[in-house]
Amino acid sequence: MDRRTFLIGLSAAVTWLSVSGCGRLMLNGRALERGDIASPRTALNKQLVELSDPFFSDYSAGRSLDALHMALLYKGVISTHHGINRKQVICLARHEPLIIYKGFYYTQTELELYALAYLHKDRRVRRK
């Protein structure tokens, strides 16, 4: 098979996949969940579970999961469609004062994000 035939066949396959909607699934790397495309919140939930650390349990005590979620949404740190916006966290870190928590330096946004992650995972564990 020569290159021209191969490229024509490959472009026809790509065109067919994009028209049929399968191309979107392949390019995004999304898995099928219960027969549907995974919900947009899945990315954020997965990132929060991975970020959760019991080290921040004291900081998150007495804080509201919903209030932290809304504050971080307002700051542009999290998004239900894209998950955690690391560039925004870095941008805010340049302007926010540092806070000492258990001997380490954090910005307010970082602590709020860790608290949100801890509370999110804690709530998921309690549901099970």
N, C-alpha and C. Protein backbone atom coordinates (compact mmCIF):
# COMPACT_ATOMS: atom_id res chain seq x y z
N MET A 1 0.85 -1.18 0.00
CA MET A 1 0.00 0.00 0.00
C MET A 1 0.90 1.24 0.00
N ASP A 2 0.61 2.17 -0.88
CA ASP A 2 1.40 3.38 -0.93
C ASP A 2 0.86 4.42 0.05
N ARG A 3 1.63 5.47 0.27
CA ARG A 3 1.26 6.49 1.26
C ARG A 3 -0.02 7.21 0.89
N ARG A 4 -0.22 7.49 -0.38
CA ARG A 4 -1.40 8.23 -0.81
C ARG A 4 -2.67 7.45 -0.46
N THR A 5 -2.71 6.17 -0.74
CA THR A 5 -3.87 5.34 -0.43
C THR A 5 -4.08 5.28 1.08
N PHE A 6 -2.98 5.15 1.82
CA PHE A 6 -3.07 5.11 3.27
C PHE A 6 -3.65 6.41 3.83
N LEU A 7 -3.16 7.55 3.36
CA LEU A 7 -3.64 8.85 3.84
C LEU A 7 -5.11 9.08 3.46
N ILE A 8 -5.51 8.66 2.28
CA ILE A 8 -6.91 8.80 1.87
C ILE A 8 -7.80 7.95 2.78
N GLY A 9 -7.37 6.72 3.05
CA GLY A 9 -8.13 5.84 3.95
C GLY A 9 -8.20 6.39 5.36
N LEU A 10 -7.07 6.93 5.84
CA LEU A 10 -7.03 7.50 7.18
C LEU A 10 -7.92 8.73 7.28
N SER A 11 -7.90 9.59 6.30
CA SER A 11 -8.75 10.79 6.35
C SER A 11 -10.22 10.42 6.26
N ALA A 12 -10.54 9.39 5.48
CA ALA A 12 -11.93 8.94 5.41
C ALA A 12 -12.40 8.40 6.75
N ALA A 13 -11.52 7.66 7.46
CA ALA A 13 -11.87 7.12 8.77
C ALA A 13 -12.06 8.23 9.79
N VAL A 14 -11.18 9.23 9.77
CA VAL A 14 -11.29 10.36 10.69
C VAL A 14 -12.57 11.13 10.43
N THR A 15 -12.90 11.35 9.16
CA THR A 15 -14.13 12.05 8.80
C THR A 15 -15.35 11.28 9.29
N TRP A 16 -15.35 9.98 9.07
CA TRP A 16 -16.48 9.17 9.52
C TRP A 16 -16.63 9.21 11.03
N LEU A 17 -15.51 9.12 11.76
CA LEU A 17 -15.56 9.16 13.22
C LEU A 17 -16.07 10.51 13.73
N SER A 18 -15.62 11.59 13.12
CA SER A 18 -16.06 12.90 13.58
C SER A 18 -17.53 13.14 13.27
N VAL A 19 -17.99 12.65 12.13
CA VAL A 19 -19.40 12.82 11.76
C VAL A 19 -20.28 11.96 12.67
N SER A 20 -19.83 10.78 12.99
CA SER A 20 -20.66 9.89 13.80
C SER A 20 -20.66 10.24 15.28
N GLY A 21 -19.79 11.13 15.69
CA GLY A 21 -19.76 11.52 17.09
C GLY A 21 -18.76 10.73 17.91
N CYS A 22 -18.20 9.70 17.34
CA CYS A 22 -17.23 8.88 18.06
C CYS A 22 -15.90 9.61 18.22
N GLY A 23 -15.62 10.51 17.31
CA GLY A 23 -14.37 11.25 17.37
C GLY A 23 -14.27 12.06 18.65
N ARG A 24 -15.38 12.64 19.08
CA ARG A 24 -15.37 13.43 20.30
C ARG A 24 -15.01 12.57 21.51
N LEU A 25 -15.54 11.36 21.54
CA LEU A 25 -15.22 10.47 22.65
C LEU A 25 -13.75 10.07 22.63
N MET A 26 -13.22 9.81 21.45
CA MET A 26 -11.83 9.39 21.35
C MET A 26 -10.88 10.53 21.69
N LEU A 27 -11.17 11.73 21.21
CA LEU A 27 -10.27 12.86 21.44
C LEU A 27 -10.28 13.32 22.89
N ASN A 28 -11.42 13.29 23.54
CA ASN A 28 -11.51 13.72 24.92
C ASN A 28 -11.05 12.64 25.88
N GLY A 29 -10.98 11.41 25.43
CA GLY A 29 -10.58 10.33 26.31
C GLY A 29 -11.61 10.03 27.38
N ARG A 30 -12.84 10.35 27.11
CA ARG A 30 -13.89 10.13 28.10
C ARG A 30 -14.40 8.71 28.02
N ALA A 31 -14.64 8.15 29.17
CA ALA A 31 -15.19 6.80 29.23
C ALA A 31 -16.70 6.89 29.28
N LEU A 32 -17.34 5.86 28.82
CA LEU A 32 -18.78 5.82 28.90
C LEU A 32 -19.19 5.40 30.30
N GLU A 33 -20.18 6.07 30.81
CA GLU A 33 -20.64 5.81 32.16
C GLU A 33 -22.15 5.61 32.11
N ARG A 34 -22.61 4.39 32.38
CA ARG A 34 -24.03 4.04 32.31
C ARG A 34 -24.62 4.33 30.94
N GLY A 35 -23.82 4.17 29.90
CA GLY A 35 -24.32 4.38 28.55
C GLY A 35 -24.29 5.82 28.08
N ASP A 36 -23.95 6.75 28.95
CA ASP A 36 -23.90 8.17 28.59
C ASP A 36 -22.48 8.68 28.73
N ILE A 37 -22.24 9.86 28.17
CA ILE A 37 -20.95 10.49 28.35
C ILE A 37 -20.85 10.93 29.81
N ALA A 38 -19.65 10.81 30.39
CA ALA A 38 -19.45 11.16 31.80
C ALA A 38 -19.86 12.61 32.03
N SER A 39 -20.41 12.87 33.19
CA SER A 39 -20.88 14.21 33.52
C SER A 39 -19.70 15.16 33.67
N PRO A 40 -19.92 16.47 33.43
CA PRO A 40 -18.82 17.43 33.53
C PRO A 40 -18.24 17.51 34.93
N ARG A 41 -19.02 17.21 35.95
CA ARG A 41 -18.54 17.31 37.32
C ARG A 41 -17.55 16.20 37.66
N THR A 42 -17.49 15.15 36.83
CA THR A 42 -16.63 14.03 37.13
C THR A 42 -15.17 14.46 37.25
N ALA A 43 -14.71 15.33 36.37
CA ALA A 43 -13.32 15.79 36.41
C ALA A 43 -13.02 16.51 37.72
N LEU A 44 -13.89 17.42 38.12
CA LEU A 44 -13.68 18.15 39.36
C LEU A 44 -13.75 17.22 40.55
N ASN A 45 -14.72 16.32 40.59
CA ASN A 45 -14.83 15.38 41.71
C ASN A 45 -13.58 14.53 41.84
N LYS A 46 -13.08 14.04 40.72
CA LYS A 46 -11.89 13.19 40.75
C LYS A 46 -10.68 13.98 41.26
N GLN A 47 -10.53 15.22 40.81
CA GLN A 47 -9.41 16.04 41.26
C GLN A 47 -9.51 16.35 42.75
N LEU A 48 -10.71 16.61 43.23
CA LEU A 48 -10.88 16.91 44.65
C LEU A 48 -10.57 15.69 45.51
N VAL A 49 -10.98 14.52 45.07
CA VAL A 49 -10.68 13.30 45.82
C VAL A 49 -9.17 13.07 45.87
N GLU A 50 -8.48 13.30 44.75
CA GLU A 50 -7.03 13.13 44.71
C GLU A 50 -6.31 14.16 45.58
N LEU A 51 -6.86 15.35 45.71
CA LEU A 51 -6.24 16.43 46.46
C LEU A 51 -6.50 16.33 47.96
N SER A 52 -7.50 15.58 48.34
CA SER A 52 -7.90 15.48 49.74
C SER A 52 -6.78 14.93 50.61
N ASP A 53 -6.59 15.57 51.77
CA ASP A 53 -5.55 15.16 52.70
C ASP A 53 -6.04 15.41 54.13
N PRO A 54 -5.95 14.40 55.01
CA PRO A 54 -6.40 14.59 56.40
C PRO A 54 -5.61 15.65 57.15
N PHE A 55 -4.47 16.07 56.62
CA PHE A 55 -3.67 17.13 57.23
C PHE A 55 -4.49 18.41 57.38
N PHE A 56 -5.48 18.60 56.50
CA PHE A 56 -6.27 19.83 56.50
C PHE A 56 -7.62 19.67 57.20
N SER A 57 -7.76 18.62 57.98
CA SER A 57 -9.03 18.39 58.68
C SER A 57 -9.31 19.49 59.70
N ASP A 58 -8.27 19.95 60.41
CA ASP A 58 -8.47 21.02 61.39
C ASP A 58 -8.89 22.32 60.71
N TYR A 59 -8.28 22.63 59.59
CA TYR A 59 -8.62 23.88 58.88
C TYR A 59 -10.05 23.84 58.35
N SER A 60 -10.48 22.66 57.93
CA SER A 60 -11.82 22.56 57.34
C SER A 60 -12.92 22.43 58.39
N ALA A 61 -12.55 22.21 59.64
CA ALA A 61 -13.56 22.08 60.70
C ALA A 61 -14.34 23.38 60.83
N GLY A 62 -15.66 23.25 60.83
CA GLY A 62 -16.53 24.41 60.98
C GLY A 62 -16.77 25.18 59.69
N ARG A 63 -16.20 24.74 58.61
CA ARG A 63 -16.40 25.42 57.33
C ARG A 63 -17.47 24.69 56.54
N SER A 64 -18.16 25.43 55.70
CA SER A 64 -19.23 24.87 54.89
C SER A 64 -18.71 24.46 53.53
N LEU A 65 -19.05 23.25 53.12
CA LEU A 65 -18.66 22.76 51.80
C LEU A 65 -19.22 23.66 50.70
N ASP A 66 -20.48 24.04 50.84
CA ASP A 66 -21.11 24.88 49.82
C ASP A 66 -20.49 26.28 49.77
N ALA A 67 -20.18 26.85 50.93
CA ALA A 67 -19.58 28.19 50.96
C ALA A 67 -18.18 28.17 50.33
N LEU A 68 -17.39 27.14 50.63
CA LEU A 68 -16.06 27.03 50.02
C LEU A 68 -16.18 26.83 48.51
N HIS A 69 -17.12 26.02 48.11
CA HIS A 69 -17.33 25.75 46.68
C HIS A 69 -17.69 27.05 45.95
N MET A 70 -18.59 27.82 46.51
CA MET A 70 -19.01 29.07 45.87
C MET A 70 -17.86 30.10 45.86
N ALA A 71 -17.09 30.17 46.94
CA ALA A 71 -15.97 31.12 46.98
C ALA A 71 -14.93 30.78 45.92
N LEU A 72 -14.63 29.50 45.75
CA LEU A 72 -13.63 29.10 44.76
C LEU A 72 -14.16 29.23 43.34
N LEU A 73 -15.45 29.03 43.15
CA LEU A 73 -16.06 29.28 41.85
C LEU A 73 -15.95 30.77 41.49
N TYR A 74 -16.25 31.63 42.47
CA TYR A 74 -16.19 33.08 42.27
C TYR A 74 -14.77 33.53 41.91
N LYS A 75 -13.76 32.92 42.55
CA LYS A 75 -12.37 33.27 42.27
C LYS A 75 -11.87 32.69 40.95
N GLY A 76 -12.63 31.77 40.37
CA GLY A 76 -12.22 31.14 39.12
C GLY A 76 -11.24 30.00 39.31
N VAL A 77 -11.14 29.49 40.53
CA VAL A 77 -10.19 28.43 40.83
C VAL A 77 -10.73 27.06 40.41
N ILE A 78 -12.04 26.88 40.52
CA ILE A 78 -12.63 25.61 40.11
C ILE A 78 -13.73 25.87 39.09
N SER A 79 -13.99 24.85 38.31
CA SER A 79 -15.03 24.89 37.31
C SER A 79 -15.62 23.50 37.18
N THR A 80 -16.93 23.41 37.06
CA THR A 80 -17.55 22.10 36.92
C THR A 80 -17.20 21.47 35.58
N HIS A 81 -16.82 22.27 34.60
CA HIS A 81 -16.49 21.73 33.28
C HIS A 81 -15.02 21.40 33.12
N HIS A 82 -14.14 22.15 33.79
CA HIS A 82 -12.71 21.98 33.57
C HIS A 82 -11.94 21.54 34.80
N GLY A 83 -12.60 21.45 35.94
CA GLY A 83 -11.90 21.04 37.16
C GLY A 83 -11.17 22.20 37.80
N ILE A 84 -10.00 21.90 38.36
CA ILE A 84 -9.21 22.91 39.06
C ILE A 84 -8.37 23.68 38.04
N ASN A 85 -8.46 25.00 38.12
CA ASN A 85 -7.71 25.88 37.23
C ASN A 85 -6.38 26.23 37.92
N ARG A 86 -5.35 25.48 37.61
CA ARG A 86 -4.05 25.65 38.27
C ARG A 86 -3.43 27.01 37.94
N LYS A 87 -3.67 27.52 36.75
CA LYS A 87 -3.12 28.83 36.39
C LYS A 87 -3.72 29.92 37.26
N GLN A 88 -5.00 29.81 37.57
CA GLN A 88 -5.64 30.80 38.43
C GLN A 88 -5.11 30.70 39.86
N VAL A 89 -4.86 29.49 40.34
CA VAL A 89 -4.29 29.31 41.68
C VAL A 89 -2.91 29.97 41.74
N ILE A 90 -2.11 29.78 40.71
CA ILE A 90 -0.78 30.39 40.65
C ILE A 90 -0.88 31.91 40.59
N CYS A 91 -1.81 32.41 39.80
CA CYS A 91 -2.00 33.86 39.68
C CYS A 91 -2.41 34.47 41.02
N LEU A 92 -3.34 33.82 41.71
CA LEU A 92 -3.76 34.32 43.01
C LEU A 92 -2.65 34.22 44.05
N ALA A 93 -1.81 33.20 43.94
CA ALA A 93 -0.72 33.02 44.89
C ALA A 93 0.28 34.17 44.83
N ARG A 94 0.37 34.81 43.69
CA ARG A 94 1.29 35.95 43.54
C ARG A 94 0.80 37.20 44.27
N HIS A 95 -0.49 37.25 44.56
CA HIS A 95 -1.07 38.46 45.13
C HIS A 95 -1.60 38.30 46.55
N GLU A 96 -1.87 37.09 46.96
CA GLU A 96 -2.43 36.87 48.29
C GLU A 96 -1.31 36.76 49.34
N PRO A 97 -1.60 37.22 50.54
CA PRO A 97 -0.60 37.07 51.60
C PRO A 97 -0.50 35.60 52.04
N LEU A 98 0.65 35.25 52.58
CA LEU A 98 0.86 33.89 53.06
C LEU A 98 0.33 33.73 54.48
N ILE A 99 -0.19 32.54 54.74
CA ILE A 99 -0.73 32.19 56.06
C ILE A 99 0.04 30.96 56.53
N ILE A 100 0.44 30.95 57.80
CA ILE A 100 1.12 29.78 58.34
C ILE A 100 0.07 28.83 58.90
N TYR A 101 0.08 27.61 58.39
CA TYR A 101 -0.82 26.56 58.88
C TYR A 101 0.02 25.34 59.19
N LYS A 102 0.07 24.98 60.45
CA LYS A 102 0.84 23.83 60.94
C LYS A 102 2.29 23.88 60.47
N GLY A 103 2.88 25.07 60.52
CA GLY A 103 4.29 25.22 60.20
C GLY A 103 4.63 25.38 58.73
N PHE A 104 3.63 25.43 57.86
CA PHE A 104 3.85 25.57 56.42
C PHE A 104 3.13 26.82 55.92
N TYR A 105 3.64 27.40 54.85
CA TYR A 105 3.06 28.60 54.28
C TYR A 105 2.08 28.24 53.15
N TYR A 106 0.89 28.83 53.22
CA TYR A 106 -0.14 28.64 52.21
C TYR A 106 -0.80 29.99 51.95
N THR A 107 -1.42 30.12 50.79
CA THR A 107 -2.28 31.28 50.55
C THR A 107 -3.69 30.91 51.00
N GLN A 108 -4.54 31.90 51.13
CA GLN A 108 -5.93 31.67 51.53
C GLN A 108 -6.63 30.73 50.53
N THR A 109 -6.39 30.96 49.25
CA THR A 109 -7.02 30.15 48.21
C THR A 109 -6.56 28.69 48.30
N GLU A 110 -5.28 28.47 48.53
CA GLU A 110 -4.79 27.10 48.67
C GLU A 110 -5.45 26.39 49.84
N LEU A 111 -5.53 27.07 50.97
CA LEU A 111 -6.17 26.47 52.14
C LEU A 111 -7.64 26.18 51.89
N GLU A 112 -8.32 27.10 51.21
CA GLU A 112 -9.73 26.87 50.88
C GLU A 112 -9.88 25.67 49.94
N LEU A 113 -8.98 25.54 48.99
CA LEU A 113 -9.04 24.42 48.06
C LEU A 113 -8.78 23.09 48.77
N TYR A 114 -7.79 23.06 49.65
CA TYR A 114 -7.53 21.85 50.42
C TYR A 114 -8.69 21.51 51.35
N ALA A 115 -9.29 22.54 51.96
CA ALA A 115 -10.44 22.31 52.83
C ALA A 115 -11.62 21.78 52.04
N LEU A 116 -11.87 22.35 50.86
CA LEU A 116 -12.94 21.87 50.00
C LEU A 116 -12.71 20.41 49.62
N ALA A 117 -11.48 20.08 49.25
CA ALA A 117 -11.16 18.71 48.87
C ALA A 117 -11.38 17.75 50.04
N TYR A 118 -10.94 18.15 51.22
CA TYR A 118 -11.10 17.29 52.40
C TYR A 118 -12.58 17.10 52.73
N LEU A 119 -13.34 18.18 52.73
CA LEU A 119 -14.77 18.08 53.05
C LEU A 119 -15.52 17.29 51.98
N HIS A 120 -15.13 17.47 50.74
CA HIS A 120 -15.77 16.75 49.64
C HIS A 120 -15.57 15.24 49.78
N LYS A 121 -14.34 14.84 50.05
CA LYS A 121 -14.05 13.41 50.21
C LYS A 121 -14.70 12.87 51.47
N ASP A 122 -14.67 13.66 52.54
CA ASP A 122 -15.29 13.22 53.80
C ASP A 122 -16.77 13.01 53.62
N ARG A 123 -17.42 13.87 52.87
CA ARG A 123 -18.86 13.71 52.62
C ARG A 123 -19.13 12.46 51.79
N ARG A 124 -18.27 12.21 50.81
CA ARG A 124 -18.45 11.00 49.97
C ARG A 124 -18.26 9.74 50.79
N VAL A 125 -17.30 9.76 51.73
CA VAL A 125 -17.07 8.58 52.57
C VAL A 125 -18.25 8.33 53.49
N ARG A 126 -18.82 9.39 54.04
CA ARG A 126 -19.97 9.25 54.96
C ARG A 126 -21.21 8.74 54.24
N ARG A 127 -21.35 9.05 52.95
CA ARG A 127 -22.51 8.59 52.19
C ARG A 127 -22.51 7.08 51.98
N LYS A 128 -21.34 6.51 51.87
CA LYS A 128 -21.23 5.08 51.54
C LYS A 128 -21.59 4.19 52.68
